[in-house]
């Protein structure tokens, strides 16, 4: 059945640039997917796009390229190793 019109279903696709920026935001801020600010788009749309990149091996290629020419120093702090005084758990 042809009507001569092109029909677009669903939402328009997000740009790869927008998805990448949203994923970098997740990594930088350490937040959950569901906590992604709405200006990046719907969290599940961003997640599905990222998941497709992972499944296709694209994310591994990107990380591999970034690891070839590292700049600066990498530092990682895990809060499970930071001791806090027993009274230092909240505001006064």
C-alpha atoms as a PDB file:
ATOM      1  CA  UNK A   1       0.000   0.000   0.000  1.00  0.00           C
ATOM      2  CA  UNK A   2       1.729   3.169  -1.133  1.00  0.00           C
ATOM      3  CA  UNK A   3       0.353   6.600  -0.494  1.00  0.00           C
ATOM      4  CA  UNK A   4       3.265   8.537  -1.919  1.00  0.00           C
ATOM      5  CA  UNK A   5       3.989  10.048   1.495  1.00  0.00           C
ATOM      6  CA  UNK A   6       6.839   9.197   3.794  1.00  0.00           C
ATOM      7  CA  UNK A   7       5.577   8.490   7.265  1.00  0.00           C
ATOM      8  CA  UNK A   8       7.775   9.038  10.282  1.00  0.00           C
ATOM      9  CA  UNK A   9       6.864   7.081  13.359  1.00  0.00           C
ATOM     10  CA  UNK A  10       7.995   7.794  16.886  1.00  0.00           C
ATOM     11  CA  UNK A  11      10.355  10.470  18.054  1.00  0.00           C
ATOM     12  CA  UNK A  12      13.071  11.926  15.854  1.00  0.00           C
ATOM     13  CA  UNK A  13      16.441  10.280  16.507  1.00  0.00           C
ATOM     14  CA  UNK A  14      18.941  11.962  18.815  1.00  0.00           C
ATOM     15  CA  UNK A  15      22.227  13.077  17.331  1.00  0.00           C
ATOM     16  CA  UNK A  16      25.255  10.936  18.140  1.00  0.00           C
ATOM     17  CA  UNK A  17      26.899  14.063  19.507  1.00  0.00           C
ATOM     18  CA  UNK A  18      24.087  14.549  22.008  1.00  0.00           C
ATOM     19  CA  UNK A  19      24.206  10.900  23.086  1.00  0.00           C
ATOM     20  CA  UNK A  20      27.981  11.072  23.557  1.00  0.00           C
ATOM     21  CA  UNK A  21      27.721  14.253  25.638  1.00  0.00           C
ATOM     22  CA  UNK A  22      25.021  12.659  27.804  1.00  0.00           C
ATOM     23  CA  UNK A  23      27.109   9.512  28.354  1.00  0.00           C
ATOM     24  CA  UNK A  24      30.131  11.650  29.263  1.00  0.00           C
ATOM     25  CA  UNK A  25      27.918  13.523  31.719  1.00  0.00           C
ATOM     26  CA  UNK A  26      26.919  10.209  33.332  1.00  0.00           C
ATOM     27  CA  UNK A  27      30.572   9.182  33.605  1.00  0.00           C
ATOM     28  CA  UNK A  28      31.761  12.563  34.884  1.00  0.00           C
ATOM     29  CA  UNK A  29      29.017  13.047  37.481  1.00  0.00           C
ATOM     30  CA  UNK A  30      28.681   9.415  38.465  1.00  0.00           C
ATOM     31  CA  UNK A  31      24.901   9.598  38.397  1.00  0.00           C
ATOM     32  CA  UNK A  32      22.398   6.908  37.492  1.00  0.00           C
ATOM     33  CA  UNK A  33      20.850   6.752  34.043  1.00  0.00           C
ATOM     34  CA  UNK A  34      17.481   7.734  35.480  1.00  0.00           C
ATOM     35  CA  UNK A  35      19.039  10.827  37.087  1.00  0.00           C
ATOM     36  CA  UNK A  36      20.211  12.177  33.720  1.00  0.00           C
ATOM     37  CA  UNK A  37      18.979  15.774  33.315  1.00  0.00           C
ATOM     38  CA  UNK A  38      16.109  15.998  30.859  1.00  0.00           C
ATOM     39  CA  UNK A  39      17.852  18.509  28.601  1.00  0.00           C
ATOM     40  CA  UNK A  40      19.992  15.621  27.292  1.00  0.00           C
ATOM     41  CA  UNK A  41      16.883  13.708  26.248  1.00  0.00           C
ATOM     42  CA  UNK A  42      15.032  10.782  27.758  1.00  0.00           C
ATOM     43  CA  UNK A  43      17.353   8.656  29.867  1.00  0.00           C
ATOM     44  CA  UNK A  44      16.183   5.383  28.333  1.00  0.00           C
ATOM     45  CA  UNK A  45      16.728   6.697  24.796  1.00  0.00           C
ATOM     46  CA  UNK A  46      20.283   7.712  25.698  1.00  0.00           C
ATOM     47  CA  UNK A  47      20.865   4.358  27.413  1.00  0.00           C
ATOM     48  CA  UNK A  48      19.557   2.355  24.442  1.00  0.00           C
ATOM     49  CA  UNK A  49      21.794   4.296  22.054  1.00  0.00           C
ATOM     50  CA  UNK A  50      24.812   3.734  24.294  1.00  0.00           C
ATOM     51  CA  UNK A  51      23.901   0.030  24.660  1.00  0.00           C
ATOM     52  CA  UNK A  52      23.780  -0.326  20.853  1.00  0.00           C
ATOM     53  CA  UNK A  53      27.263   1.244  20.665  1.00  0.00           C
ATOM     54  CA  UNK A  54      28.534  -1.236  23.279  1.00  0.00           C
ATOM     55  CA  UNK A  55      26.941  -4.222  21.525  1.00  0.00           C
ATOM     56  CA  UNK A  56      28.424  -3.131  18.177  1.00  0.00           C
ATOM     57  CA  UNK A  57      31.910  -2.772  19.712  1.00  0.00           C
ATOM     58  CA  UNK A  58      32.036   0.969  19.013  1.00  0.00           C
ATOM     59  CA  UNK A  59      32.453   1.972  22.664  1.00  0.00           C
ATOM     60  CA  UNK A  60      35.478  -0.338  23.015  1.00  0.00           C
ATOM     61  CA  UNK A  61      37.047   1.273  19.953  1.00  0.00           C
ATOM     62  CA  UNK A  62      36.480   4.762  21.352  1.00  0.00           C
ATOM     63  CA  UNK A  63      37.999   3.843  24.721  1.00  0.00           C
ATOM     64  CA  UNK A  64      40.893   2.118  22.977  1.00  0.00           C
ATOM     65  CA  UNK A  65      41.661   5.220  20.939  1.00  0.00           C
ATOM     66  CA  UNK A  66      41.470   7.451  24.006  1.00  0.00           C
ATOM     67  CA  UNK A  67      43.809   5.129  25.913  1.00  0.00           C
ATOM     68  CA  UNK A  68      46.467   5.352  23.183  1.00  0.00           C
ATOM     69  CA  UNK A  69      47.257   8.983  23.947  1.00  0.00           C
ATOM     70  CA  UNK A  70      46.493   9.626  27.602  1.00  0.00           C
ATOM     71  CA  UNK A  71      46.878  13.157  28.908  1.00  0.00           C
ATOM     72  CA  UNK A  72      47.228  14.136  32.542  1.00  0.00           C
ATOM     73  CA  UNK A  73      46.935  11.762  35.454  1.00  0.00           C
ATOM     74  CA  UNK A  74      44.098   9.501  36.411  1.00  0.00           C
ATOM     75  CA  UNK A  75      42.920   9.650  40.004  1.00  0.00           C
ATOM     76  CA  UNK A  76      40.174   7.580  41.536  1.00  0.00           C
ATOM     77  CA  UNK A  77      38.660   7.966  44.973  1.00  0.00           C
ATOM     78  CA  UNK A  78      36.261   5.393  46.318  1.00  0.00           C
ATOM     79  CA  UNK A  79      34.254   6.588  49.301  1.00  0.00           C
ATOM     80  CA  UNK A  80      34.398   3.159  50.929  1.00  0.00           C
ATOM     81  CA  UNK A  81      38.034   3.874  51.797  1.00  0.00           C
ATOM     82  CA  UNK A  82      37.513   7.315  53.322  1.00  0.00           C
ATOM     83  CA  UNK A  83      37.012   7.214  57.077  1.00  0.00           C
ATOM     84  CA  UNK A  84      34.642   9.755  58.562  1.00  0.00           C
ATOM     85  CA  UNK A  85      34.301  10.568  62.227  1.00  0.00           C
ATOM     86  CA  UNK A  86      31.165   8.942  63.660  1.00  0.00           C
ATOM     87  CA  UNK A  87      29.631  12.395  64.271  1.00  0.00           C
ATOM     88  CA  UNK A  88      30.504  13.551  60.748  1.00  0.00           C
ATOM     89  CA  UNK A  89      27.633  11.794  58.981  1.00  0.00           C
ATOM     90  CA  UNK A  90      25.343  14.781  58.521  1.00  0.00           C
ATOM     91  CA  UNK A  91      24.668  18.436  58.974  1.00  0.00           C
ATOM     92  CA  UNK A  92      24.624  19.896  62.504  1.00  0.00           C
END
